[in-house]
Amino acid sequence: MADLSTPEQTELVLKGGRGGRGNSHFATSTRQAPRFSEDGDKGEEKEVILELKLLADVGLLGFPNVGKSTFLSIVTDAKPKIANYHFTTLQPNLGVVKTKNGDGFVIADIPGIIEGASEGVGLGIQFLRHVERTRLLLHFLDVSGQEGRNPVEDFYTINKELKNYSEKLSTRKQIIVANKIDVQNEELIKEVEELAKKEGLELYKISAATKQGVQELIDHVAEVLKTLPKEELVEIEDKKIYTLEEKEDDWTIKIEDGVFIVSGRAVQRLMGRVNIEDNESMYYLQKCLKNMGIEDKLKEMGVCEGDTVILDDWELEWYE
């Protein structure tokens, strides 16, 4: 319904009713203190799901234990939990990078994106939404072979999940980061080099543990971000804009089992300012029914004295 991604942005997602009028509005020269007023129209009711999506310039992608959290901890002041087992990171971590020339950008470590994440496997579906906010993705691949995984297969698996979740997200700019080159497997690094060449993506080889190549990557990311516009990253389909336009006060009459049922917005508004227990207010009701043409229409449809007439939620006995 709405994407709140800019400062001071507001969106109206529930339409309120038009306000009522106090008794002074209905004062006349002969009725200076009316004992009735007008209720406001009812507003809409609905349940709304609110999703928090972290605001970050760069998102870190990769299977568990590829070194994303270690990288985040050495380039920012973030203190993510780091350990040598899968799913150490159970929630997105944010960190701010400060470059040599004073520029800064925000990095988000996006955990839990594994095969089937877009369909709810693991915690991935909860974290894919955060990737939408990023302008650039650093795709971490483990080229050490210590986990027994193939980095090329991992690359395509995660990108498949991105595409399944959002077609637009799958086209977000990516840089491949071959991590753990301090203990690299020569065969795997060659496969990743061929992958980068095939997909037309930039490749940076680093070791988050020894900081080898990390500064060069950060400097490059800072330059790339300058070329990527800060645009509306989330597409809202069928966005509904609410206004408080005046509507015609319409009404209809139907007969069911001899009962005359008068309904419509005009009748709701009228009965909202009538005090049934006040004679003055009832005279006002009769006058309005005549002015609105409802009385003439009822007579045309055959209403007789003693018949039951329902006005909105009020059941009245008709009299001449």
Protein backbone atom coordinates (compact mmCIF):
# COMPACT_ATOMS: atom_id res chain seq x y z
CA MET A 1 0.00 0.00 0.00
CA ALA A 2 2.84 2.38 0.78
CA ASP A 3 6.60 2.44 1.08
CA LEU A 4 7.92 4.80 3.75
CA SER A 5 11.49 5.27 2.60
CA THR A 6 12.08 9.03 2.70
CA PRO A 7 12.26 11.46 5.64
CA GLU A 8 9.01 13.09 6.74
CA GLN A 9 7.03 10.96 4.28
CA THR A 10 3.42 10.32 5.20
CA GLU A 11 0.85 8.06 3.57
CA LEU A 12 -2.87 7.81 4.22
CA VAL A 13 -3.81 4.13 4.21
CA LEU A 14 -7.18 4.36 5.96
CA LYS A 15 -9.85 6.78 4.86
CA GLY A 16 -11.59 8.60 7.67
CA GLY A 17 -15.18 9.79 7.55
CA ARG A 18 -16.25 13.33 6.83
CA GLY A 19 -16.65 15.29 10.05
CA GLY A 20 -20.04 16.10 11.58
CA ARG A 21 -21.50 19.46 12.57
CA GLY A 22 -22.46 20.81 15.97
CA ASN A 23 -25.92 21.95 17.03
CA SER A 24 -25.10 25.61 16.36
CA HIS A 25 -24.95 24.83 12.66
CA PHE A 26 -28.68 24.04 12.63
CA ALA A 27 -29.75 27.17 14.49
CA THR A 28 -32.39 29.38 12.85
CA SER A 29 -34.22 32.54 13.86
CA THR A 30 -36.99 30.42 15.37
CA ARG A 31 -34.77 27.58 16.62
CA GLN A 32 -31.85 29.29 18.29
CA ALA A 33 -30.65 26.36 20.44
CA PRO A 34 -31.25 23.10 18.54
CA ARG A 35 -31.04 19.99 20.67
CA PHE A 36 -29.53 17.88 17.92
CA SER A 37 -26.26 17.74 16.02
CA GLU A 38 -24.70 15.73 13.21
CA ASP A 39 -22.44 12.74 13.74
CA GLY A 40 -19.45 12.30 11.47
CA ASP A 41 -19.34 9.61 8.82
CA LYS A 42 -17.80 6.30 9.82
CA GLY A 43 -14.22 5.73 8.73
CA GLU A 44 -12.73 2.59 7.25
CA GLU A 45 -11.40 -0.32 9.28
CA LYS A 46 -8.82 -2.83 8.18
CA GLU A 47 -5.84 -4.78 9.44
CA VAL A 48 -2.51 -3.56 8.12
CA ILE A 49 0.76 -5.49 8.14
CA LEU A 50 3.80 -3.30 8.81
CA GLU A 51 7.18 -4.57 7.63
CA LEU A 52 10.47 -3.09 8.77
CA LYS A 53 13.06 -2.96 6.00
CA LEU A 54 16.52 -1.82 7.01
CA LEU A 55 17.95 1.14 5.15
CA ALA A 56 21.42 0.30 3.86
CA ASP A 57 23.48 1.16 0.79
CA VAL A 58 25.25 -2.19 0.53
CA GLY A 59 23.97 -5.66 1.31
CA LEU A 60 26.19 -8.65 2.02
CA LEU A 61 24.96 -11.88 0.44
CA GLY A 62 26.31 -15.37 0.83
CA PHE A 63 25.72 -18.73 2.43
CA PRO A 64 26.35 -19.12 6.16
CA ASN A 65 29.97 -19.07 7.32
CA VAL A 66 31.44 -17.42 4.21
CA GLY A 67 32.86 -14.51 6.23
CA LYS A 68 30.23 -11.77 5.91
CA SER A 69 30.11 -11.03 9.63
CA THR A 70 33.89 -10.98 9.90
CA PHE A 71 34.06 -8.54 6.99
CA LEU A 72 31.43 -6.30 8.60
CA SER A 73 33.28 -6.29 11.91
CA ILE A 74 36.57 -5.10 10.41
CA VAL A 75 35.22 -2.37 8.10
CA THR A 76 32.70 -0.92 10.57
CA ASP A 77 32.21 -0.58 14.31
CA ALA A 78 29.52 -3.24 14.26
CA LYS A 79 29.97 -6.14 16.66
CA PRO A 80 28.20 -9.11 15.07
CA LYS A 81 28.47 -12.53 16.69
CA ILE A 82 31.15 -14.54 14.92
CA ALA A 83 31.72 -18.26 15.27
CA ASN A 84 32.67 -21.20 13.09
CA TYR A 85 29.23 -22.70 12.68
CA HIS A 86 26.23 -22.10 10.49
CA PHE A 87 23.59 -19.51 11.29
CA THR A 88 25.66 -17.60 13.84
CA THR A 89 23.90 -14.49 12.52
CA LEU A 90 20.20 -14.65 13.33
CA GLN A 91 19.31 -11.05 12.61
CA PRO A 92 20.54 -8.41 10.14
CA ASN A 93 23.50 -6.37 11.37
CA LEU A 94 24.21 -2.81 10.25
CA GLY A 95 27.50 -0.95 10.18
CA VAL A 96 28.69 2.40 8.86
CA VAL A 97 31.85 2.51 6.74
CA LYS A 98 34.00 5.65 6.78
CA THR A 99 36.31 6.02 3.76
CA LYS A 100 39.62 7.88 3.61
CA ASN A 101 38.11 10.91 1.90
CA GLY A 102 35.35 11.22 4.47
CA ASP A 103 32.57 9.52 2.53
CA GLY A 104 30.37 7.08 4.37
CA PHE A 105 27.90 4.36 3.55
CA VAL A 106 25.87 1.75 5.41
CA ILE A 107 26.45 -1.99 5.06
CA ALA A 108 23.91 -4.63 6.08
CA ASP A 109 24.85 -8.23 6.72
CA ILE A 110 21.81 -10.13 5.41
CA PRO A 111 21.72 -13.61 6.99
CA GLY A 112 19.59 -16.66 6.37
CA ILE A 113 19.33 -16.57 2.56
CA ILE A 114 19.71 -20.17 1.54
CA GLU A 115 18.06 -22.48 -0.96
CA GLY A 116 14.29 -22.22 -0.56
CA ALA A 117 14.46 -18.92 1.34
CA SER A 118 11.98 -17.25 -1.02
CA GLU A 119 9.47 -19.96 -0.14
CA GLY A 120 9.96 -19.61 3.60
CA VAL A 121 12.74 -22.12 4.24
CA GLY A 122 14.75 -21.22 7.33
CA LEU A 123 14.72 -17.54 8.26
CA GLY A 124 15.41 -16.31 4.73
CA ILE A 125 11.95 -14.98 3.91
CA GLN A 126 12.27 -12.64 6.90
CA PHE A 127 15.55 -11.23 5.58
CA LEU A 128 14.98 -11.02 1.83
CA ARG A 129 12.88 -7.90 2.39
CA HIS A 130 15.95 -6.11 3.77
CA VAL A 131 17.88 -6.75 0.55
CA GLU A 132 15.29 -4.63 -1.30
CA ARG A 133 16.61 -1.50 0.39
CA THR A 134 20.20 -1.88 -0.83
CA ARG A 135 21.66 -0.29 -3.95
CA LEU A 136 24.62 -2.61 -4.27
CA LEU A 137 25.14 -6.27 -3.33
CA LEU A 138 28.46 -7.82 -2.35
CA HIS A 139 28.10 -11.53 -3.04
CA PHE A 140 30.52 -13.41 -0.76
CA LEU A 141 31.83 -16.77 -1.95
CA ASP A 142 34.05 -19.07 0.10
CA VAL A 143 37.00 -20.16 -2.07
CA SER A 144 38.75 -22.13 0.67
CA GLY A 145 36.77 -25.30 0.16
CA GLN A 146 36.76 -25.84 3.93
CA GLU A 147 32.97 -26.11 4.06
CA GLY A 148 32.85 -28.66 1.26
CA ARG A 149 30.64 -26.35 -0.82
CA ASN A 150 31.03 -25.23 -4.42
CA PRO A 151 31.04 -21.41 -4.59
CA VAL A 152 29.73 -21.32 -8.16
CA GLU A 153 26.73 -23.44 -7.23
CA ASP A 154 26.17 -21.25 -4.17
CA PHE A 155 26.20 -18.14 -6.37
CA TYR A 156 23.46 -19.43 -8.66
CA THR A 157 21.42 -20.83 -5.77
CA ILE A 158 21.22 -17.48 -3.98
CA ASN A 159 20.54 -15.54 -7.16
CA LYS A 160 17.70 -17.92 -7.92
CA GLU A 161 16.18 -17.09 -4.54
CA LEU A 162 16.53 -13.37 -5.24
CA LYS A 163 14.75 -13.77 -8.56
CA ASN A 164 11.98 -15.88 -7.05
CA TYR A 165 11.41 -13.20 -4.43
CA SER A 166 11.61 -10.19 -6.75
CA GLU A 167 12.39 -9.93 -10.46
CA LYS A 168 13.73 -6.42 -9.92
CA LEU A 169 15.90 -7.54 -7.03
CA SER A 170 17.59 -10.12 -9.24
CA THR A 171 18.90 -7.31 -11.47
CA ARG A 172 20.45 -5.30 -8.61
CA LYS A 173 24.13 -4.58 -9.22
CA GLN A 174 26.43 -7.19 -7.68
CA ILE A 175 30.14 -7.51 -7.05
CA ILE A 176 31.55 -10.98 -6.42
CA VAL A 177 33.79 -11.18 -3.36
CA ALA A 178 36.00 -14.26 -3.23
CA ASN A 179 36.77 -14.56 0.49
CA LYS A 180 39.32 -16.63 2.43
CA ILE A 181 42.04 -16.35 -0.22
CA ASP A 182 44.60 -16.83 2.55
CA VAL A 183 43.59 -20.49 2.50
CA GLN A 184 42.21 -20.57 -1.03
CA ASN A 185 41.65 -23.66 -3.13
CA GLU A 186 43.31 -22.95 -6.50
CA GLU A 187 40.72 -24.94 -8.42
CA LEU A 188 37.82 -23.10 -6.76
CA ILE A 189 39.32 -19.65 -7.32
CA LYS A 190 39.67 -20.43 -11.03
CA GLU A 191 36.02 -21.49 -11.16
CA VAL A 192 34.99 -18.22 -9.52
CA GLU A 193 37.13 -16.23 -11.97
CA GLU A 194 35.39 -18.00 -14.86
CA LEU A 195 32.01 -17.32 -13.20
CA ALA A 196 32.73 -13.58 -12.93
CA LYS A 197 33.83 -13.45 -16.55
CA LYS A 198 30.76 -15.38 -17.72
CA GLU A 199 28.31 -13.21 -15.79
CA GLY A 200 30.12 -9.96 -16.58
CA LEU A 201 30.61 -9.13 -12.88
CA GLU A 202 33.53 -7.55 -11.08
CA LEU A 203 35.55 -9.84 -8.85
CA TYR A 204 37.48 -8.89 -5.74
CA LYS A 205 39.64 -11.40 -3.91
CA ILE A 206 39.98 -10.76 -0.19
CA SER A 207 40.69 -12.33 3.15
CA ALA A 208 38.45 -10.87 5.83
CA ALA A 209 40.53 -12.66 8.46
CA THR A 210 43.86 -11.09 7.39
CA LYS A 211 42.33 -7.93 5.85
CA GLN A 212 44.05 -8.67 2.54
CA GLY A 213 42.34 -6.79 -0.30
CA VAL A 214 39.67 -5.37 2.03
CA GLN A 215 40.64 -1.70 1.70
CA GLU A 216 40.74 -1.91 -2.10
CA LEU A 217 37.22 -3.37 -2.07
CA ILE A 218 35.88 -0.66 0.26
CA ASP A 219 37.41 2.12 -1.86
CA HIS A 220 35.84 0.63 -4.99
CA VAL A 221 32.43 0.24 -3.35
CA ALA A 222 32.50 3.90 -2.33
CA GLU A 223 33.15 4.93 -5.95
CA VAL A 224 30.47 2.61 -7.34
CA LEU A 225 27.85 4.00 -4.93
CA LYS A 226 28.44 7.48 -6.33
CA THR A 227 27.16 6.21 -9.69
CA LEU A 228 24.07 4.51 -8.31
CA PRO A 229 21.12 6.87 -7.81
CA LYS A 230 19.09 6.81 -4.65
CA GLU A 231 15.80 5.92 -6.21
CA GLU A 232 12.50 4.38 -5.17
CA LEU A 233 13.75 0.83 -4.78
CA VAL A 234 10.45 -0.83 -3.96
CA GLU A 235 7.63 -0.93 -6.48
CA ILE A 236 4.16 -0.54 -5.04
CA GLU A 237 1.49 -2.16 -7.16
CA ASP A 238 -2.06 -0.84 -7.12
CA LYS A 239 -1.18 1.96 -4.76
CA LYS A 240 -4.33 3.49 -3.38
CA ILE A 241 -4.47 7.22 -2.77
CA TYR A 242 -7.26 8.36 -0.49
CA THR A 243 -8.95 11.72 -0.70
CA LEU A 244 -11.86 13.27 1.14
CA GLU A 245 -13.85 14.15 -1.94
CA GLU A 246 -17.45 15.11 -1.45
CA LYS A 247 -19.88 12.43 -2.56
CA GLU A 248 -23.44 12.90 -3.66
CA ASP A 249 -25.96 12.27 -0.93
CA ASP A 250 -27.89 9.47 -2.64
CA TRP A 251 -30.67 7.31 -1.25
CA THR A 252 -32.84 4.37 -2.33
CA ILE A 253 -36.15 2.88 -1.19
CA LYS A 254 -37.19 -0.75 -1.40
CA ILE A 255 -40.14 -2.70 0.00
CA GLU A 256 -39.62 -6.01 1.82
CA ASP A 257 -42.58 -7.80 3.41
CA GLY A 258 -44.58 -4.57 3.48
CA VAL A 259 -41.76 -2.63 5.17
CA PHE A 260 -40.35 0.46 3.43
CA ILE A 261 -36.56 0.46 3.76
CA VAL A 262 -34.85 3.77 3.03
CA SER A 263 -31.06 3.52 2.82
CA GLY A 264 -28.08 5.35 1.42
CA ARG A 265 -25.43 7.80 2.50
CA ALA A 266 -27.89 10.70 2.63
CA VAL A 267 -30.10 8.81 5.08
CA GLN A 268 -27.14 7.82 7.26
CA ARG A 269 -26.05 11.44 7.50
CA LEU A 270 -29.60 12.60 8.23
CA MET A 271 -30.23 10.08 11.01
CA GLY A 272 -26.84 10.93 12.50
CA ARG A 273 -28.16 14.37 13.43
CA VAL A 274 -31.64 13.43 14.61
CA ASN A 275 -32.64 13.04 18.24
CA ILE A 276 -35.61 10.67 18.13
CA GLU A 277 -36.71 11.65 21.64
CA ASP A 278 -36.87 15.37 20.86
CA ASN A 279 -39.98 16.81 19.15
CA GLU A 280 -38.05 19.68 17.61
CA SER A 281 -35.60 17.23 16.12
CA MET A 282 -38.44 15.09 14.72
CA TYR A 283 -39.93 18.16 13.03
CA TYR A 284 -36.51 18.73 11.50
CA LEU A 285 -36.50 15.11 10.27
CA GLN A 286 -39.88 15.51 8.59
CA LYS A 287 -38.73 18.70 6.90
CA CYS A 288 -35.58 17.03 5.58
CA LEU A 289 -37.48 14.00 4.28
CA LYS A 290 -39.69 16.35 2.32
CA ASN A 291 -36.86 18.51 1.01
CA MET A 292 -34.85 15.46 -0.05
CA GLY A 293 -37.82 14.02 -1.98
CA ILE A 294 -37.99 10.91 0.20
CA GLU A 295 -41.49 11.70 1.47
CA ASP A 296 -42.91 12.13 -2.03
CA LYS A 297 -41.23 8.93 -3.19
CA LEU A 298 -42.67 6.97 -0.25
CA LYS A 299 -46.17 8.24 -1.06
CA GLU A 300 -45.65 7.37 -4.71
CA MET A 301 -44.73 3.82 -3.65
CA GLY A 302 -47.94 3.57 -1.59
CA VAL A 303 -46.90 4.23 2.00
CA CYS A 304 -49.90 4.61 4.30
CA GLU A 305 -50.38 5.79 7.86
CA GLY A 306 -49.31 3.04 10.27
CA ASP A 307 -46.83 1.47 7.85
CA THR A 308 -43.33 0.66 9.06
CA VAL A 309 -40.53 2.74 7.57
CA ILE A 310 -36.89 1.95 8.30
CA LEU A 311 -34.51 4.89 8.03
CA ASP A 312 -30.94 3.62 8.29
CA ASP A 313 -31.07 1.66 11.61
CA TRP A 314 -34.21 3.37 12.90
CA GLU A 315 -37.63 1.70 12.61
CA LEU A 316 -40.47 4.26 12.61
CA GLU A 317 -44.22 4.21 12.15
CA TRP A 318 -45.40 6.41 9.29
CA TYR A 319 -48.07 9.01 10.03
CA GLU A 320 -49.61 11.83 8.00
